[in-house]
Amino acid sequence: MFFIMGISQGRKNFAYQQMCICEHCGSYCRYEVFMTYMYLSLFFIPCFKWNRQYYVRTTCCSTVYALEPEVGKRIARGGQAEILPQNLTKIQAGCRSRVKSCGNCGFETQEDFEFCPKCGRRF
């Protein structure tokens, strides 16, 4: 008899989103919460999860923060929890380019346009 087993890493995004002002770039953005974990699969079915860690990513500059486990567990259960700055530890600083360049005509602007003001194509 053969057993097909494996250990892998997974990620789960939560529907929780909170509006905030980014401490890194100063833009108005949302916190997006996700969890990473390791799991054991038996016959390609996940059986056991461990090493759960909760993270927050900002939508403006993609800065990643580690979230306190208690707050992360509350969000994972579907409860409403406010994420405070003292609940976060910066893991990876994001970057946001202030200059947008059109791939079609090469027009550069510092404004936050969806479409190029010169040629009309999406940035």
N, C-alpha and C. Protein backbone atom coordinates (compact mmCIF):
# COMPACT_ATOMS: atom_id res chain seq x y z
N MET A 1 0.84 -1.18 0.00
CA MET A 1 0.00 0.00 0.00
C MET A 1 0.89 1.24 0.00
N PHE A 2 0.53 2.22 -0.79
CA PHE A 2 1.28 3.46 -0.89
C PHE A 2 0.50 4.60 -0.27
N PHE A 3 1.24 5.47 0.41
CA PHE A 3 0.65 6.68 0.97
C PHE A 3 1.27 7.87 0.25
N ILE A 4 0.44 8.76 -0.20
CA ILE A 4 0.92 9.99 -0.83
C ILE A 4 0.76 11.11 0.17
N MET A 5 1.90 11.60 0.68
CA MET A 5 1.89 12.64 1.71
C MET A 5 2.74 13.81 1.23
N GLY A 6 2.46 14.97 1.79
CA GLY A 6 3.27 16.12 1.45
C GLY A 6 3.09 17.24 2.46
N ILE A 7 4.10 18.07 2.57
CA ILE A 7 4.05 19.26 3.42
C ILE A 7 4.23 20.46 2.50
N SER A 8 3.35 21.44 2.68
CA SER A 8 3.40 22.60 1.80
C SER A 8 2.99 23.84 2.58
N GLN A 9 3.12 24.99 1.95
CA GLN A 9 2.74 26.25 2.56
C GLN A 9 1.51 26.79 1.85
N GLY A 10 0.58 27.35 2.62
CA GLY A 10 -0.63 27.90 2.05
C GLY A 10 -0.84 29.34 2.48
N ARG A 11 -1.78 29.99 1.82
CA ARG A 11 -2.12 31.38 2.13
C ARG A 11 -3.63 31.54 1.99
N LYS A 12 -4.23 32.25 2.95
CA LYS A 12 -5.66 32.50 2.91
C LYS A 12 -5.89 34.00 3.08
N ASN A 13 -6.60 34.60 2.10
CA ASN A 13 -6.96 36.01 2.19
C ASN A 13 -8.31 36.13 2.88
N PHE A 14 -8.45 37.12 3.74
CA PHE A 14 -9.70 37.35 4.45
C PHE A 14 -10.46 38.50 3.81
N ALA A 15 -11.77 38.51 3.98
CA ALA A 15 -12.63 39.55 3.40
C ALA A 15 -12.56 40.85 4.20
N TYR A 16 -11.78 40.90 5.24
CA TYR A 16 -11.67 42.07 6.10
C TYR A 16 -10.85 43.16 5.41
N GLN A 17 -11.39 44.36 5.39
CA GLN A 17 -10.65 45.51 4.86
C GLN A 17 -10.95 46.72 5.73
N GLN A 18 -9.92 47.45 6.09
CA GLN A 18 -10.05 48.64 6.92
C GLN A 18 -9.36 49.81 6.24
N MET A 19 -10.03 50.94 6.18
CA MET A 19 -9.45 52.14 5.59
C MET A 19 -8.46 52.77 6.58
N CYS A 20 -7.37 53.35 6.05
CA CYS A 20 -6.36 53.94 6.92
C CYS A 20 -5.52 54.93 6.12
N ILE A 21 -4.63 55.61 6.82
CA ILE A 21 -3.61 56.44 6.18
C ILE A 21 -2.29 55.72 6.41
N CYS A 22 -1.61 55.41 5.33
CA CYS A 22 -0.37 54.63 5.39
C CYS A 22 0.72 55.39 6.13
N GLU A 23 1.34 54.73 7.10
CA GLU A 23 2.44 55.34 7.84
C GLU A 23 3.72 55.41 7.01
N HIS A 24 3.82 54.57 5.98
CA HIS A 24 5.03 54.52 5.16
C HIS A 24 5.04 55.61 4.08
N CYS A 25 3.94 55.70 3.30
CA CYS A 25 3.94 56.65 2.18
C CYS A 25 2.98 57.82 2.38
N GLY A 26 2.11 57.76 3.40
CA GLY A 26 1.21 58.87 3.69
C GLY A 26 -0.04 58.91 2.84
N SER A 27 -0.30 57.90 2.03
CA SER A 27 -1.49 57.86 1.17
C SER A 27 -2.67 57.24 1.91
N TYR A 28 -3.86 57.53 1.42
CA TYR A 28 -5.08 56.93 1.92
C TYR A 28 -5.21 55.55 1.30
N CYS A 29 -5.40 54.50 2.10
CA CYS A 29 -5.39 53.14 1.57
C CYS A 29 -6.27 52.22 2.42
N ARG A 30 -6.20 50.92 2.11
CA ARG A 30 -6.90 49.89 2.87
C ARG A 30 -5.89 48.88 3.39
N TYR A 31 -6.23 48.30 4.55
CA TYR A 31 -5.48 47.16 5.07
C TYR A 31 -6.14 45.91 4.50
N GLU A 32 -5.35 45.01 3.94
CA GLU A 32 -5.83 43.71 3.51
C GLU A 32 -5.15 42.67 4.38
N VAL A 33 -5.93 41.81 5.01
CA VAL A 33 -5.42 40.84 5.97
C VAL A 33 -5.36 39.46 5.32
N PHE A 34 -4.25 38.76 5.56
CA PHE A 34 -4.11 37.38 5.08
C PHE A 34 -3.33 36.56 6.09
N MET A 35 -3.43 35.24 5.96
CA MET A 35 -2.78 34.30 6.86
C MET A 35 -1.93 33.34 6.03
N THR A 36 -0.73 33.04 6.52
CA THR A 36 0.09 32.00 5.91
C THR A 36 0.18 30.85 6.92
N TYR A 37 0.34 29.64 6.40
CA TYR A 37 0.40 28.47 7.26
C TYR A 37 1.10 27.33 6.53
N MET A 38 1.53 26.36 7.30
CA MET A 38 2.09 25.12 6.75
C MET A 38 1.01 24.06 6.93
N TYR A 39 0.96 23.09 5.99
CA TYR A 39 -0.03 22.04 6.13
C TYR A 39 0.50 20.70 5.62
N LEU A 40 -0.05 19.66 6.21
CA LEU A 40 0.26 18.28 5.83
C LEU A 40 -0.91 17.77 5.02
N SER A 41 -0.63 17.24 3.85
CA SER A 41 -1.70 16.68 3.03
C SER A 41 -1.49 15.18 2.88
N LEU A 42 -2.60 14.49 2.91
CA LEU A 42 -2.60 13.05 2.73
C LEU A 42 -3.51 12.75 1.55
N PHE A 43 -2.99 12.16 0.51
CA PHE A 43 -3.71 11.94 -0.73
C PHE A 43 -4.28 13.25 -1.28
N PHE A 44 -3.47 14.31 -1.22
CA PHE A 44 -3.79 15.64 -1.76
C PHE A 44 -4.92 16.36 -1.01
N ILE A 45 -5.25 15.88 0.17
CA ILE A 45 -6.27 16.52 1.02
C ILE A 45 -5.57 17.11 2.23
N PRO A 46 -5.67 18.43 2.46
CA PRO A 46 -5.04 19.03 3.65
C PRO A 46 -5.65 18.45 4.92
N CYS A 47 -4.80 17.95 5.81
CA CYS A 47 -5.28 17.30 7.03
C CYS A 47 -4.94 18.08 8.29
N PHE A 48 -3.78 18.70 8.33
CA PHE A 48 -3.32 19.33 9.56
C PHE A 48 -2.59 20.63 9.22
N LYS A 49 -2.97 21.73 9.90
CA LYS A 49 -2.33 23.03 9.68
C LYS A 49 -1.57 23.44 10.93
N TRP A 50 -0.42 24.10 10.74
CA TRP A 50 0.34 24.65 11.85
C TRP A 50 1.10 25.88 11.39
N ASN A 51 1.75 26.56 12.33
CA ASN A 51 2.56 27.74 12.05
C ASN A 51 1.75 28.84 11.36
N ARG A 52 0.57 29.11 11.91
CA ARG A 52 -0.29 30.17 11.36
C ARG A 52 0.27 31.53 11.74
N GLN A 53 0.44 32.38 10.74
CA GLN A 53 0.92 33.74 10.96
C GLN A 53 0.02 34.69 10.18
N TYR A 54 -0.31 35.81 10.80
CA TYR A 54 -1.23 36.77 10.22
C TYR A 54 -0.46 38.01 9.76
N TYR A 55 -0.83 38.52 8.59
CA TYR A 55 -0.16 39.67 8.01
C TYR A 55 -1.18 40.67 7.48
N VAL A 56 -0.73 41.92 7.36
CA VAL A 56 -1.53 43.00 6.79
C VAL A 56 -0.71 43.63 5.68
N ARG A 57 -1.36 43.87 4.53
CA ARG A 57 -0.71 44.54 3.41
C ARG A 57 -1.52 45.78 3.07
N THR A 58 -0.81 46.89 2.81
CA THR A 58 -1.50 48.12 2.43
C THR A 58 -1.69 48.13 0.91
N THR A 59 -2.81 48.70 0.46
CA THR A 59 -3.10 48.71 -0.97
C THR A 59 -2.36 49.82 -1.72
N CYS A 60 -1.85 50.82 -1.00
CA CYS A 60 -1.22 51.96 -1.68
C CYS A 60 0.21 51.62 -2.12
N CYS A 61 1.04 51.15 -1.21
CA CYS A 61 2.45 50.93 -1.52
C CYS A 61 2.90 49.49 -1.23
N SER A 62 1.96 48.62 -0.87
CA SER A 62 2.22 47.20 -0.61
C SER A 62 3.18 46.95 0.54
N THR A 63 3.16 47.82 1.55
CA THR A 63 3.94 47.58 2.76
C THR A 63 3.30 46.43 3.52
N VAL A 64 4.12 45.49 4.02
CA VAL A 64 3.62 44.31 4.71
C VAL A 64 3.96 44.43 6.20
N TYR A 65 2.96 44.17 7.05
CA TYR A 65 3.11 44.20 8.50
C TYR A 65 2.73 42.83 9.06
N ALA A 66 3.40 42.42 10.14
CA ALA A 66 2.97 41.24 10.90
C ALA A 66 1.88 41.71 11.86
N LEU A 67 0.82 40.95 11.95
CA LEU A 67 -0.31 41.29 12.81
C LEU A 67 -0.27 40.41 14.05
N GLU A 68 -0.63 40.99 15.20
CA GLU A 68 -0.67 40.21 16.44
C GLU A 68 -1.63 39.03 16.28
N PRO A 69 -1.24 37.85 16.76
CA PRO A 69 -2.06 36.64 16.56
C PRO A 69 -3.49 36.75 17.12
N GLU A 70 -3.67 37.43 18.25
CA GLU A 70 -5.01 37.54 18.84
C GLU A 70 -5.95 38.28 17.90
N VAL A 71 -5.48 39.38 17.32
CA VAL A 71 -6.29 40.17 16.40
C VAL A 71 -6.53 39.37 15.12
N GLY A 72 -5.52 38.69 14.63
CA GLY A 72 -5.66 37.87 13.43
C GLY A 72 -6.66 36.75 13.61
N LYS A 73 -6.64 36.08 14.76
CA LYS A 73 -7.59 35.00 15.02
C LYS A 73 -9.02 35.53 15.08
N ARG A 74 -9.20 36.72 15.64
CA ARG A 74 -10.53 37.32 15.72
C ARG A 74 -11.06 37.63 14.31
N ILE A 75 -10.19 38.13 13.44
CA ILE A 75 -10.57 38.42 12.06
C ILE A 75 -10.85 37.12 11.30
N ALA A 76 -10.05 36.08 11.54
CA ALA A 76 -10.24 34.80 10.86
C ALA A 76 -11.57 34.16 11.23
N ARG A 77 -12.04 34.39 12.44
CA ARG A 77 -13.34 33.84 12.86
C ARG A 77 -14.51 34.64 12.32
N GLY A 78 -14.23 35.76 11.66
CA GLY A 78 -15.29 36.58 11.10
C GLY A 78 -15.72 37.72 11.99
N GLY A 79 -15.06 37.91 13.11
CA GLY A 79 -15.39 39.00 14.01
C GLY A 79 -14.84 40.32 13.52
N GLN A 80 -15.46 41.39 13.96
CA GLN A 80 -14.98 42.72 13.60
C GLN A 80 -13.95 43.17 14.63
N ALA A 81 -12.77 43.46 14.16
CA ALA A 81 -11.69 43.93 15.02
C ALA A 81 -11.01 45.10 14.33
N GLU A 82 -10.75 46.16 15.08
CA GLU A 82 -10.03 47.29 14.51
C GLU A 82 -8.54 47.06 14.64
N ILE A 83 -7.82 47.27 13.56
CA ILE A 83 -6.37 47.10 13.58
C ILE A 83 -5.76 48.44 13.98
N LEU A 84 -5.06 48.45 15.09
CA LEU A 84 -4.41 49.65 15.60
C LEU A 84 -2.93 49.60 15.26
N PRO A 85 -2.25 50.76 15.19
CA PRO A 85 -0.81 50.76 14.88
C PRO A 85 0.03 49.93 15.84
N GLN A 86 -0.38 49.82 17.11
CA GLN A 86 0.41 49.02 18.06
C GLN A 86 0.23 47.52 17.82
N ASN A 87 -0.74 47.10 16.99
CA ASN A 87 -0.92 45.69 16.65
C ASN A 87 -0.04 45.27 15.49
N LEU A 88 0.67 46.20 14.86
CA LEU A 88 1.43 45.92 13.65
C LEU A 88 2.93 46.03 13.87
N THR A 89 3.68 45.18 13.20
CA THR A 89 5.14 45.24 13.16
C THR A 89 5.55 45.20 11.70
N LYS A 90 6.27 46.24 11.25
CA LYS A 90 6.64 46.32 9.84
C LYS A 90 7.62 45.21 9.47
N ILE A 91 7.27 44.49 8.41
CA ILE A 91 8.10 43.39 7.91
C ILE A 91 8.84 43.80 6.65
N GLN A 92 8.09 44.39 5.71
CA GLN A 92 8.68 44.75 4.42
C GLN A 92 8.09 46.09 3.98
N ALA A 93 8.95 47.06 3.77
CA ALA A 93 8.51 48.38 3.31
C ALA A 93 8.20 48.30 1.82
N GLY A 94 7.10 48.90 1.46
CA GLY A 94 6.71 48.93 0.05
C GLY A 94 7.30 50.14 -0.64
N CYS A 95 7.09 50.22 -1.91
CA CYS A 95 7.55 51.39 -2.65
C CYS A 95 6.44 51.82 -3.58
N ARG A 96 6.33 53.09 -3.73
CA ARG A 96 5.32 53.65 -4.62
C ARG A 96 5.99 54.71 -5.47
N SER A 97 5.94 54.50 -6.73
CA SER A 97 6.53 55.46 -7.65
C SER A 97 5.57 56.62 -7.81
N ARG A 98 6.07 57.83 -7.65
CA ARG A 98 5.23 59.03 -7.79
C ARG A 98 5.05 59.41 -9.26
N VAL A 99 5.84 58.84 -10.15
CA VAL A 99 5.74 59.19 -11.57
C VAL A 99 5.14 58.01 -12.32
N LYS A 100 4.04 58.27 -13.04
CA LYS A 100 3.43 57.25 -13.89
C LYS A 100 3.84 57.53 -15.32
N SER A 101 4.13 56.47 -16.05
CA SER A 101 4.54 56.61 -17.44
C SER A 101 3.63 55.76 -18.31
N CYS A 102 3.12 56.33 -19.39
CA CYS A 102 2.25 55.63 -20.31
C CYS A 102 3.09 54.68 -21.18
N GLY A 103 2.67 53.44 -21.26
CA GLY A 103 3.37 52.46 -22.07
C GLY A 103 3.15 52.65 -23.56
N ASN A 104 2.11 53.40 -23.92
CA ASN A 104 1.80 53.61 -25.34
C ASN A 104 2.56 54.81 -25.92
N CYS A 105 2.42 55.99 -25.28
CA CYS A 105 3.01 57.20 -25.86
C CYS A 105 4.21 57.73 -25.07
N GLY A 106 4.45 57.21 -23.85
CA GLY A 106 5.60 57.64 -23.06
C GLY A 106 5.36 58.87 -22.20
N PHE A 107 4.12 59.38 -22.16
CA PHE A 107 3.79 60.57 -21.36
C PHE A 107 3.97 60.25 -19.88
N GLU A 108 4.64 61.14 -19.15
CA GLU A 108 4.87 60.96 -17.72
C GLU A 108 4.10 62.00 -16.93
N THR A 109 3.52 61.57 -15.80
CA THR A 109 2.77 62.47 -14.94
C THR A 109 2.91 62.02 -13.49
N GLN A 110 2.74 62.95 -12.55
CA GLN A 110 2.75 62.63 -11.14
C GLN A 110 1.33 62.52 -10.58
N GLU A 111 0.33 62.82 -11.40
CA GLU A 111 -1.06 62.72 -10.98
C GLU A 111 -1.49 61.26 -10.96
N ASP A 112 -2.55 60.99 -10.21
CA ASP A 112 -3.04 59.63 -10.07
C ASP A 112 -4.19 59.38 -11.06
N PHE A 113 -3.87 59.36 -12.36
CA PHE A 113 -4.85 59.13 -13.41
C PHE A 113 -4.98 57.64 -13.69
N GLU A 114 -6.17 57.21 -14.09
CA GLU A 114 -6.38 55.84 -14.56
C GLU A 114 -5.99 55.73 -16.03
N PHE A 115 -6.24 56.80 -16.80
CA PHE A 115 -5.98 56.81 -18.23
C PHE A 115 -5.00 57.94 -18.57
N CYS A 116 -4.23 57.75 -19.61
CA CYS A 116 -3.25 58.73 -20.05
C CYS A 116 -3.98 59.97 -20.59
N PRO A 117 -3.63 61.19 -20.10
CA PRO A 117 -4.29 62.40 -20.60
C PRO A 117 -3.90 62.73 -22.05
N LYS A 118 -2.81 62.16 -22.54
CA LYS A 118 -2.34 62.49 -23.89
C LYS A 118 -2.99 61.58 -24.95
N CYS A 119 -2.95 60.24 -24.71
CA CYS A 119 -3.45 59.33 -25.74
C CYS A 119 -4.73 58.60 -25.34
N GLY A 120 -5.08 58.61 -24.06
CA GLY A 120 -6.33 58.00 -23.61
C GLY A 120 -6.27 56.54 -23.25
N ARG A 121 -5.11 55.91 -23.33
CA ARG A 121 -5.00 54.49 -22.96
C ARG A 121 -4.81 54.34 -21.48
N ARG A 122 -5.18 53.16 -20.95
CA ARG A 122 -5.05 52.88 -19.52
C ARG A 122 -3.58 52.78 -19.13
N PHE A 123 -3.22 53.41 -17.99
CA PHE A 123 -1.83 53.34 -17.51
C PHE A 123 -1.47 51.94 -17.12
